[in-house]
Amino acid sequence: MNDVACCDIHRVLELTESMHEAASESRWDEMTSLEAERDTVLHAGPMRQAPETVEALKSIMLLDTLITDLVSAARDEAAAAWDAHRRSRQAVAAYSSL
């Protein structure tokens, strides 16, 4: 009998789907918590060699790409907002020094 624990790839897919949903709604704290949980499941053991594992991995990889795109867009928006705030503060400081 083989008692080796295997990675629950279907749970990984569920968590990845939840991560995508959270990222789509800018729920970043939830997304990072889900990512940590997913990482634990991923490292629980080897994956079973089965066709459904390959299909699940393809879905996970696609969702990961979409999540990365959402994170990049949010990062760019935050950087733009920070830059606008910084410029406003500089303008106020320049005006105040007159």
Protein backbone atom coordinates (compact mmCIF):
# COMPACT_ATOMS: atom_id res chain seq x y z
CA MET A 1 0.00 0.00 0.00
CA ASN A 2 1.22 3.49 -0.88
CA ASP A 3 0.77 6.02 1.95
CA VAL A 4 2.46 8.95 0.19
CA ALA A 5 0.41 12.13 0.52
CA CYS A 6 -0.43 13.70 -2.81
CA CYS A 7 -1.12 17.27 -3.73
CA ASP A 8 -4.88 17.84 -4.05
CA ILE A 9 -4.79 19.47 -7.48
CA HIS A 10 -8.55 20.03 -7.49
CA ARG A 11 -8.25 22.01 -4.24
CA VAL A 12 -5.40 23.98 -5.80
CA LEU A 13 -7.67 24.80 -8.76
CA GLU A 14 -10.50 25.86 -6.42
CA LEU A 15 -8.14 28.12 -4.50
CA THR A 16 -6.76 29.60 -7.73
CA GLU A 17 -10.30 30.33 -8.93
CA SER A 18 -11.02 32.04 -5.61
CA MET A 19 -7.78 34.01 -5.92
CA HIS A 20 -8.84 35.21 -9.37
CA GLU A 21 -12.25 36.24 -8.06
CA ALA A 22 -10.66 38.14 -5.15
CA ALA A 23 -8.15 39.85 -7.45
CA SER A 24 -10.93 40.79 -9.88
CA GLU A 25 -12.67 42.58 -7.01
CA SER A 26 -9.46 44.14 -5.60
CA ARG A 27 -9.68 42.10 -2.40
CA TRP A 28 -5.90 41.87 -2.10
CA ASP A 29 -5.69 40.70 1.52
CA GLU A 30 -8.03 37.82 0.75
CA MET A 31 -6.11 36.99 -2.41
CA THR A 32 -2.79 36.77 -0.57
CA SER A 33 -4.34 34.59 2.16
CA LEU A 34 -5.70 32.26 -0.50
CA GLU A 35 -2.30 32.21 -2.20
CA ALA A 36 -0.63 31.14 1.06
CA GLU A 37 -3.19 28.37 1.53
CA ARG A 38 -2.70 27.27 -2.08
CA ASP A 39 1.06 27.14 -1.57
CA THR A 40 0.59 24.82 1.41
CA VAL A 41 -1.64 22.48 -0.61
CA LEU A 42 0.78 22.56 -3.56
CA HIS A 43 3.66 21.45 -1.36
CA ALA A 44 1.70 18.68 0.41
CA GLY A 45 3.17 16.04 -1.88
CA PRO A 46 3.61 15.00 -5.51
CA MET A 47 0.82 15.31 -8.04
CA ARG A 48 -0.94 12.25 -9.38
CA GLN A 49 -0.06 11.47 -12.95
CA ALA A 50 -3.47 11.59 -14.59
CA PRO A 51 -5.09 13.39 -17.54
CA GLU A 52 -7.30 15.43 -15.19
CA THR A 53 -4.16 16.66 -13.41
CA VAL A 54 -2.81 18.02 -16.70
CA GLU A 55 -6.12 19.76 -17.45
CA ALA A 56 -6.27 21.24 -13.95
CA LEU A 57 -2.69 22.50 -14.32
CA LYS A 58 -3.57 24.17 -17.63
CA SER A 59 -6.49 25.95 -15.97
CA ILE A 60 -4.33 26.98 -13.01
CA MET A 61 -1.65 28.38 -15.31
CA LEU A 62 -4.23 30.38 -17.29
CA LEU A 63 -5.77 31.78 -14.11
CA ASP A 64 -2.31 32.62 -12.76
CA THR A 65 -1.66 34.66 -15.91
CA LEU A 66 -4.95 36.51 -15.45
CA ILE A 67 -4.18 37.14 -11.77
CA THR A 68 -0.73 38.46 -12.66
CA ASP A 69 -2.32 40.85 -15.17
CA LEU A 70 -4.77 42.10 -12.53
CA VAL A 71 -2.00 42.58 -9.97
CA SER A 72 0.14 44.45 -12.51
CA ALA A 73 -2.75 46.75 -13.42
CA ALA A 74 -3.50 47.45 -9.75
CA ARG A 75 0.19 48.13 -9.07
CA ASP A 76 0.31 50.57 -11.99
CA GLU A 77 -2.85 52.34 -10.76
CA ALA A 78 -1.41 52.62 -7.24
CA ALA A 79 1.85 53.99 -8.61
CA ALA A 80 -0.01 56.58 -10.70
CA ALA A 81 -2.13 57.62 -7.71
CA TRP A 82 0.98 57.89 -5.53
CA ASP A 83 2.73 59.99 -8.17
CA ALA A 84 -0.30 62.30 -8.50
CA HIS A 85 -0.43 62.69 -4.72
CA ARG A 86 3.30 63.44 -4.59
CA ARG A 87 2.97 66.08 -7.33
CA SER A 88 0.05 67.70 -5.50
CA ARG A 89 2.07 67.89 -2.29
CA GLN A 90 5.00 69.41 -4.17
CA ALA A 91 2.69 71.99 -5.74
CA VAL A 92 1.20 72.90 -2.36
CA ALA A 93 4.68 73.15 -0.85
CA ALA A 94 5.87 75.36 -3.71
CA TYR A 95 2.79 77.60 -3.41
CA SER A 96 3.14 77.80 0.38
CA SER A 97 6.74 78.94 0.11
CA LEU A 98 5.79 82.02 -1.92
